[in-house]
Structures are given as structure tokens and as C-alpha cells.
N, C-alpha and C. Protein backbone atom coordinates (compact mmCIF):
# COMPACT_ATOMS: atom_id res chain seq x y z
N MET A 1 -5.72 33.92 11.57
CA MET A 1 -5.94 32.65 12.35
C MET A 1 -6.31 33.22 13.73
N SER A 2 -7.17 32.50 14.31
CA SER A 2 -7.82 32.81 15.48
C SER A 2 -7.67 31.66 16.50
N GLY A 3 -7.64 32.06 17.82
CA GLY A 3 -7.53 30.85 18.95
C GLY A 3 -6.14 30.95 19.43
N PRO A 4 -5.79 30.24 20.48
CA PRO A 4 -4.59 29.95 21.01
C PRO A 4 -3.52 29.51 19.92
N ALA A 5 -2.23 29.94 20.43
CA ALA A 5 -1.31 29.68 19.40
C ALA A 5 -1.03 28.15 19.35
N GLY A 6 -1.15 27.36 20.32
CA GLY A 6 -0.94 25.92 20.56
C GLY A 6 -2.22 24.96 19.86
N ALA A 7 -3.31 25.70 19.61
CA ALA A 7 -4.60 25.02 19.26
C ALA A 7 -4.17 24.74 17.75
N ARG A 8 -4.88 23.47 17.26
CA ARG A 8 -4.61 23.10 15.89
C ARG A 8 -6.04 22.67 15.46
N ASP A 9 -6.37 23.00 14.37
CA ASP A 9 -7.81 22.61 13.65
C ASP A 9 -7.41 21.91 12.44
N PRO A 10 -7.57 20.54 12.61
CA PRO A 10 -7.25 19.82 11.53
C PRO A 10 -7.96 19.72 10.22
N GLY A 11 -9.28 20.26 10.47
CA GLY A 11 -10.11 20.67 9.27
C GLY A 11 -10.25 19.29 8.52
N LEU A 12 -9.97 19.32 7.34
CA LEU A 12 -10.51 18.04 6.49
C LEU A 12 -9.17 17.26 6.20
N GLN A 13 -7.86 17.64 6.78
CA GLN A 13 -6.75 16.76 6.75
C GLN A 13 -6.83 15.35 6.89
N PRO A 14 -7.34 14.90 8.05
CA PRO A 14 -7.52 13.45 8.24
C PRO A 14 -8.35 12.68 7.25
N GLU A 15 -9.29 13.35 6.75
CA GLU A 15 -10.29 12.86 5.76
C GLU A 15 -9.53 12.62 4.38
N ARG A 16 -8.68 13.71 4.17
CA ARG A 16 -7.84 13.55 2.76
C ARG A 16 -6.70 12.56 2.84
N THR A 17 -6.11 12.52 4.35
CA THR A 17 -5.25 11.49 4.41
C THR A 17 -5.72 9.87 4.28
N ARG A 18 -7.02 10.01 4.82
CA ARG A 18 -7.77 8.49 4.60
C ARG A 18 -7.93 8.22 3.39
N LEU A 19 -8.38 9.15 2.35
CA LEU A 19 -8.74 8.87 1.08
C LEU A 19 -7.54 8.53 0.27
N ALA A 20 -6.22 9.17 0.85
CA ALA A 20 -5.14 8.95 0.03
C ALA A 20 -4.44 7.40 0.27
N TRP A 21 -4.70 6.93 1.49
CA TRP A 21 -4.30 5.69 1.91
C TRP A 21 -5.30 4.72 1.12
N ARG A 22 -6.59 4.90 0.95
CA ARG A 22 -7.45 4.22 -0.03
C ARG A 22 -7.07 4.05 -1.35
N ARG A 23 -6.66 5.32 -1.94
CA ARG A 23 -6.26 5.37 -3.17
C ARG A 23 -4.88 4.48 -3.47
N THR A 24 -3.99 4.46 -2.48
CA THR A 24 -2.64 3.74 -2.56
C THR A 24 -3.07 2.42 -2.41
N THR A 25 -4.01 1.83 -1.53
CA THR A 25 -4.45 0.47 -1.37
C THR A 25 -5.09 -0.07 -2.78
N LEU A 26 -5.91 0.95 -3.34
CA LEU A 26 -6.38 0.34 -4.61
C LEU A 26 -5.28 0.34 -5.77
N ALA A 27 -4.44 1.16 -5.70
CA ALA A 27 -3.30 0.98 -6.73
C ALA A 27 -2.51 -0.26 -6.34
N CYS A 28 -2.15 -0.51 -5.22
CA CYS A 28 -1.58 -1.66 -4.94
C CYS A 28 -2.39 -3.04 -5.20
N THR A 29 -3.58 -3.09 -5.03
CA THR A 29 -4.48 -4.17 -5.65
C THR A 29 -4.66 -4.37 -7.03
N VAL A 30 -4.63 -3.25 -7.84
CA VAL A 30 -4.53 -3.30 -9.26
C VAL A 30 -3.17 -3.94 -9.54
N ALA A 31 -2.00 -3.43 -8.93
CA ALA A 31 -0.84 -3.83 -9.42
C ALA A 31 -0.66 -5.39 -9.09
N SER A 32 -1.16 -5.76 -8.13
CA SER A 32 -1.24 -7.26 -7.81
C SER A 32 -1.87 -8.11 -8.59
N VAL A 33 -3.13 -7.69 -8.88
CA VAL A 33 -3.94 -8.46 -10.03
C VAL A 33 -3.30 -8.51 -11.38
N LEU A 34 -2.63 -7.29 -11.88
CA LEU A 34 -2.02 -7.33 -13.06
C LEU A 34 -0.71 -8.20 -12.99
N ALA A 35 -0.11 -8.36 -12.01
CA ALA A 35 1.09 -9.24 -11.48
C ALA A 35 0.66 -10.66 -11.70
N VAL A 36 -0.43 -11.06 -11.11
CA VAL A 36 -0.90 -12.41 -11.22
C VAL A 36 -1.40 -12.61 -12.65
N ARG A 37 -2.09 -11.69 -13.36
CA ARG A 37 -2.35 -11.86 -14.73
C ARG A 37 -1.22 -12.23 -15.61
N THR A 38 -0.14 -11.35 -15.43
CA THR A 38 1.19 -11.60 -16.08
C THR A 38 1.84 -12.94 -15.87
N ALA A 39 1.81 -13.38 -14.51
CA ALA A 39 2.30 -14.66 -14.19
C ALA A 39 1.66 -15.73 -14.95
N LEU A 40 0.34 -15.72 -15.01
CA LEU A 40 -0.45 -16.72 -15.60
C LEU A 40 -0.65 -16.58 -17.02
N HIS A 41 -0.19 -15.56 -17.61
CA HIS A 41 -0.44 -15.25 -19.04
C HIS A 41 0.14 -16.31 -19.99
N SER A 42 1.56 -16.49 -19.86
CA SER A 42 2.40 -17.15 -20.95
C SER A 42 2.66 -18.41 -20.38
N GLY A 43 1.76 -19.21 -19.33
CA GLY A 43 1.97 -20.34 -18.72
C GLY A 43 2.45 -20.15 -17.34
N VAL A 44 2.45 -21.31 -16.89
CA VAL A 44 2.94 -21.30 -15.16
C VAL A 44 4.29 -21.90 -15.20
N SER A 45 5.08 -21.03 -14.51
CA SER A 45 6.51 -21.45 -14.10
C SER A 45 6.66 -21.28 -12.96
N ALA A 46 7.83 -21.93 -12.25
CA ALA A 46 8.10 -21.80 -10.81
C ALA A 46 8.39 -20.35 -10.49
N ALA A 47 9.19 -19.89 -11.15
CA ALA A 47 9.54 -18.52 -10.85
C ALA A 47 8.31 -17.55 -11.03
N GLY A 48 7.54 -17.69 -11.82
CA GLY A 48 6.44 -16.85 -12.02
C GLY A 48 5.47 -17.09 -10.73
N VAL A 49 5.32 -18.33 -10.14
CA VAL A 49 4.52 -18.52 -9.04
C VAL A 49 5.19 -17.86 -7.90
N VAL A 50 6.45 -18.13 -7.73
CA VAL A 50 7.17 -17.43 -6.58
C VAL A 50 6.98 -15.87 -6.68
N LEU A 51 7.11 -15.34 -7.84
CA LEU A 51 7.16 -13.73 -7.89
C LEU A 51 5.42 -13.50 -7.55
N CYS A 52 4.55 -14.20 -8.02
CA CYS A 52 3.31 -13.87 -7.84
C CYS A 52 2.88 -14.14 -6.32
N ALA A 53 3.36 -14.97 -5.62
CA ALA A 53 3.26 -15.25 -4.20
C ALA A 53 3.93 -14.15 -3.43
N LEU A 54 5.06 -13.58 -3.72
CA LEU A 54 5.56 -12.38 -3.19
C LEU A 54 4.89 -11.13 -3.47
N CYS A 55 4.29 -10.91 -4.84
CA CYS A 55 3.30 -9.91 -4.88
C CYS A 55 2.22 -9.91 -4.27
N CYS A 56 1.50 -11.10 -3.86
CA CYS A 56 0.52 -11.20 -2.97
C CYS A 56 0.93 -10.83 -1.57
N ALA A 57 1.82 -11.42 -1.04
CA ALA A 57 2.49 -11.07 0.30
C ALA A 57 2.50 -9.75 0.61
N CYS A 58 3.23 -9.01 -0.42
CA CYS A 58 3.36 -7.73 -0.17
C CYS A 58 2.16 -6.80 -0.25
N TRP A 59 1.07 -7.09 -1.07
CA TRP A 59 0.12 -6.52 -1.30
C TRP A 59 -0.74 -6.74 0.24
N LEU A 60 -0.81 -8.04 0.78
CA LEU A 60 -1.43 -8.07 2.04
C LEU A 60 -0.72 -7.40 3.10
N GLY A 61 0.53 -7.27 3.16
CA GLY A 61 1.24 -6.40 4.08
C GLY A 61 0.95 -5.02 4.07
N PHE A 62 0.88 -4.44 2.81
CA PHE A 62 0.45 -3.07 2.58
C PHE A 62 -1.00 -2.88 3.17
N LEU A 63 -1.81 -3.81 2.60
CA LEU A 63 -3.37 -3.66 3.00
C LEU A 63 -3.32 -3.65 4.53
N LEU A 64 -2.62 -4.42 5.40
CA LEU A 64 -2.64 -4.50 6.74
C LEU A 64 -2.36 -3.08 7.30
N VAL A 65 -1.14 -2.60 6.85
CA VAL A 65 -0.83 -1.31 7.51
C VAL A 65 -1.70 -0.32 7.20
N ALA A 66 -2.28 -0.14 5.92
CA ALA A 66 -3.19 0.80 5.48
C ALA A 66 -4.44 0.66 6.21
N HIS A 67 -4.87 -0.39 6.48
CA HIS A 67 -6.28 -0.56 7.19
C HIS A 67 -6.03 -0.14 8.54
N ARG A 68 -4.85 -0.36 9.35
CA ARG A 68 -4.84 0.17 10.69
C ARG A 68 -4.62 1.51 10.61
N ARG A 69 -4.02 2.21 9.65
CA ARG A 69 -3.96 3.70 9.58
C ARG A 69 -5.10 4.35 9.34
N ILE A 70 -5.90 3.76 8.49
CA ILE A 70 -7.26 4.32 8.15
C ILE A 70 -8.21 4.23 9.26
N HIS A 71 -8.34 3.17 10.02
CA HIS A 71 -8.90 3.08 11.44
C HIS A 71 -8.41 4.07 12.46
N ALA A 72 -7.19 4.25 12.49
CA ALA A 72 -6.58 5.29 13.45
C ALA A 72 -7.06 6.63 12.88
N LEU A 73 -7.16 6.98 11.84
CA LEU A 73 -7.60 8.14 11.26
C LEU A 73 -8.92 8.67 11.59
N ALA A 74 -9.68 7.47 11.60
CA ALA A 74 -11.26 7.70 11.77
C ALA A 74 -11.57 7.49 13.28
N ALA A 75 -10.68 7.15 14.09
CA ALA A 75 -10.98 6.95 15.56
C ALA A 75 -10.94 8.31 16.23
N THR A 76 -10.19 9.00 15.91
CA THR A 76 -10.24 10.37 16.78
C THR A 76 -10.25 11.63 15.91
N ALA A 77 -10.32 12.76 16.27
CA ALA A 77 -10.54 13.99 15.59
C ALA A 77 -9.04 14.39 15.10
N ALA A 78 -8.29 14.22 16.16
CA ALA A 78 -6.79 14.55 16.00
C ALA A 78 -5.84 13.17 16.35
N PRO A 79 -5.69 12.32 15.23
CA PRO A 79 -5.08 11.23 15.30
C PRO A 79 -3.58 11.57 15.40
N ALA A 80 -2.87 10.45 16.26
CA ALA A 80 -1.38 10.59 16.29
C ALA A 80 -0.77 10.26 15.22
N ALA A 81 0.56 10.64 15.26
CA ALA A 81 1.33 10.42 13.88
C ALA A 81 1.59 8.90 13.84
N PRO A 82 1.67 8.35 12.51
CA PRO A 82 1.92 6.99 12.30
C PRO A 82 3.47 6.70 13.04
N SER A 83 3.51 5.43 13.36
CA SER A 83 5.04 5.17 13.72
C SER A 83 5.92 4.86 12.55
N PRO A 84 7.22 5.30 12.95
CA PRO A 84 8.05 5.01 11.82
C PRO A 84 8.21 3.49 11.34
N ARG A 85 7.93 2.79 12.03
CA ARG A 85 7.88 1.28 11.83
C ARG A 85 6.97 0.81 10.91
N ARG A 86 5.72 1.46 11.02
CA ARG A 86 4.54 0.95 10.20
C ARG A 86 4.83 1.75 8.90
N LEU A 87 5.28 3.06 8.88
CA LEU A 87 5.55 3.66 7.55
C LEU A 87 6.62 3.08 6.90
N THR A 88 7.54 2.59 7.38
CA THR A 88 8.54 1.80 6.94
C THR A 88 8.10 0.60 6.22
N ALA A 89 7.31 -0.17 6.95
CA ALA A 89 6.60 -1.43 6.47
C ALA A 89 5.88 -1.18 5.23
N ALA A 90 4.98 -0.08 5.12
CA ALA A 90 4.34 0.36 4.05
C ALA A 90 5.08 0.63 2.66
N VAL A 91 6.21 1.31 3.05
CA VAL A 91 7.22 1.71 1.95
C VAL A 91 7.66 0.57 1.45
N LEU A 92 8.28 -0.58 2.40
CA LEU A 92 8.91 -1.67 1.75
C LEU A 92 8.18 -2.51 1.09
N CYS A 93 6.84 -2.63 1.52
CA CYS A 93 5.77 -3.51 0.79
C CYS A 93 5.52 -2.91 -0.39
N ALA A 94 5.28 -1.49 -0.76
CA ALA A 94 4.99 -1.04 -1.94
C ALA A 94 6.18 -1.20 -2.83
N GLY A 95 7.42 -0.92 -2.51
CA GLY A 95 8.51 -1.06 -3.21
C GLY A 95 8.86 -2.57 -3.74
N ALA A 96 8.70 -3.39 -2.62
CA ALA A 96 8.73 -4.81 -3.10
C ALA A 96 7.76 -5.24 -4.23
N LEU A 97 6.52 -4.80 -3.90
CA LEU A 97 5.55 -4.88 -5.05
C LEU A 97 5.97 -4.66 -6.29
N ALA A 98 6.58 -3.42 -6.31
CA ALA A 98 6.87 -2.72 -7.70
C ALA A 98 8.09 -3.67 -8.39
N VAL A 99 9.06 -4.11 -7.47
CA VAL A 99 10.08 -4.83 -7.83
C VAL A 99 9.61 -6.23 -8.49
N CYS A 100 8.75 -6.75 -7.72
CA CYS A 100 8.15 -8.13 -8.16
C CYS A 100 7.46 -7.96 -9.54
N GLY A 101 6.61 -6.93 -9.62
CA GLY A 101 5.92 -6.75 -10.77
C GLY A 101 6.92 -6.41 -11.96
N ALA A 102 7.90 -5.77 -11.85
CA ALA A 102 8.88 -5.48 -12.96
C ALA A 102 9.59 -6.92 -13.16
N ALA A 103 9.94 -7.75 -12.12
CA ALA A 103 10.62 -8.90 -12.60
C ALA A 103 9.41 -9.94 -13.24
N LEU A 104 8.26 -9.64 -12.94
CA LEU A 104 7.34 -10.69 -13.60
C LEU A 104 7.23 -10.15 -15.29
N VAL A 105 7.27 -8.83 -15.36
CA VAL A 105 7.12 -8.42 -16.82
C VAL A 105 8.51 -8.94 -17.59
N LEU A 106 9.69 -8.70 -16.79
CA LEU A 106 10.96 -9.17 -17.56
C LEU A 106 10.79 -10.67 -17.84
N LEU A 107 10.38 -11.37 -16.86
CA LEU A 107 10.26 -12.76 -16.95
C LEU A 107 9.35 -13.16 -17.99
N ASP A 108 8.27 -12.30 -18.22
CA ASP A 108 7.20 -12.64 -19.37
C ASP A 108 7.95 -12.54 -20.79
N ARG A 109 8.83 -11.56 -20.58
CA ARG A 109 9.31 -11.25 -22.02
C ARG A 109 10.41 -12.23 -22.60
N THR A 110 10.81 -13.04 -21.47
CA THR A 110 11.91 -14.11 -22.13
C THR A 110 11.25 -15.34 -22.29
């Protein structure tokens, strides 16, 4: 390792992080589309519509957080760490999307 002890060479790490955010966004998009398909597969019910709307809202929330992070990573060579508030929002949106999707699958079985 060369250079001063405090110098940091990020290398490709910001690009890998950007790609990881994009992959996760794509996975959330697929989960949301499958949730909508599941909700409409066996007929429209009030519970299905509500869960479908929650899935879409969670997807939009995650998309917003991911979009902001991707742009922050692309803006500078050494981006700042994400705020805990935004990371918490991303985790909550992804978790809520999973719970809503599971609820839709269980609702579809009944």
C-alpha cells in the first residue's frame, strides 16, 4: 500500500455499490409486479387492492431512496456515507414489500 496513511483510493467500490442499488431496485420492481399479478389473478378483492397499493407505495419509497443514493454515488469520486435515516427507510420499504407480498400469496390461497 503506497501513499499517506490517511489517503483512500475507492477504486471501483462506488461503482459496485451503484450496481448493487440497481440490482436491488430491479428485484423490488419484480416483486411489486408479481404482487400486482397475484392480487389480480384470482379476482379483485378489497384486501387484495389494499395490499397491492401498499406494495406499490413501498416500491416507490425504495425507488426514491435508491435513486438518490445512486446519484450521490455518481456525483463525486468519494461519496459521503448514506444517512441512517435513508438506510432505515430503504430497509423498511424492502421489508414491508416482502410482508405485503407474503400476505398477497396467503390471501390468494384462501
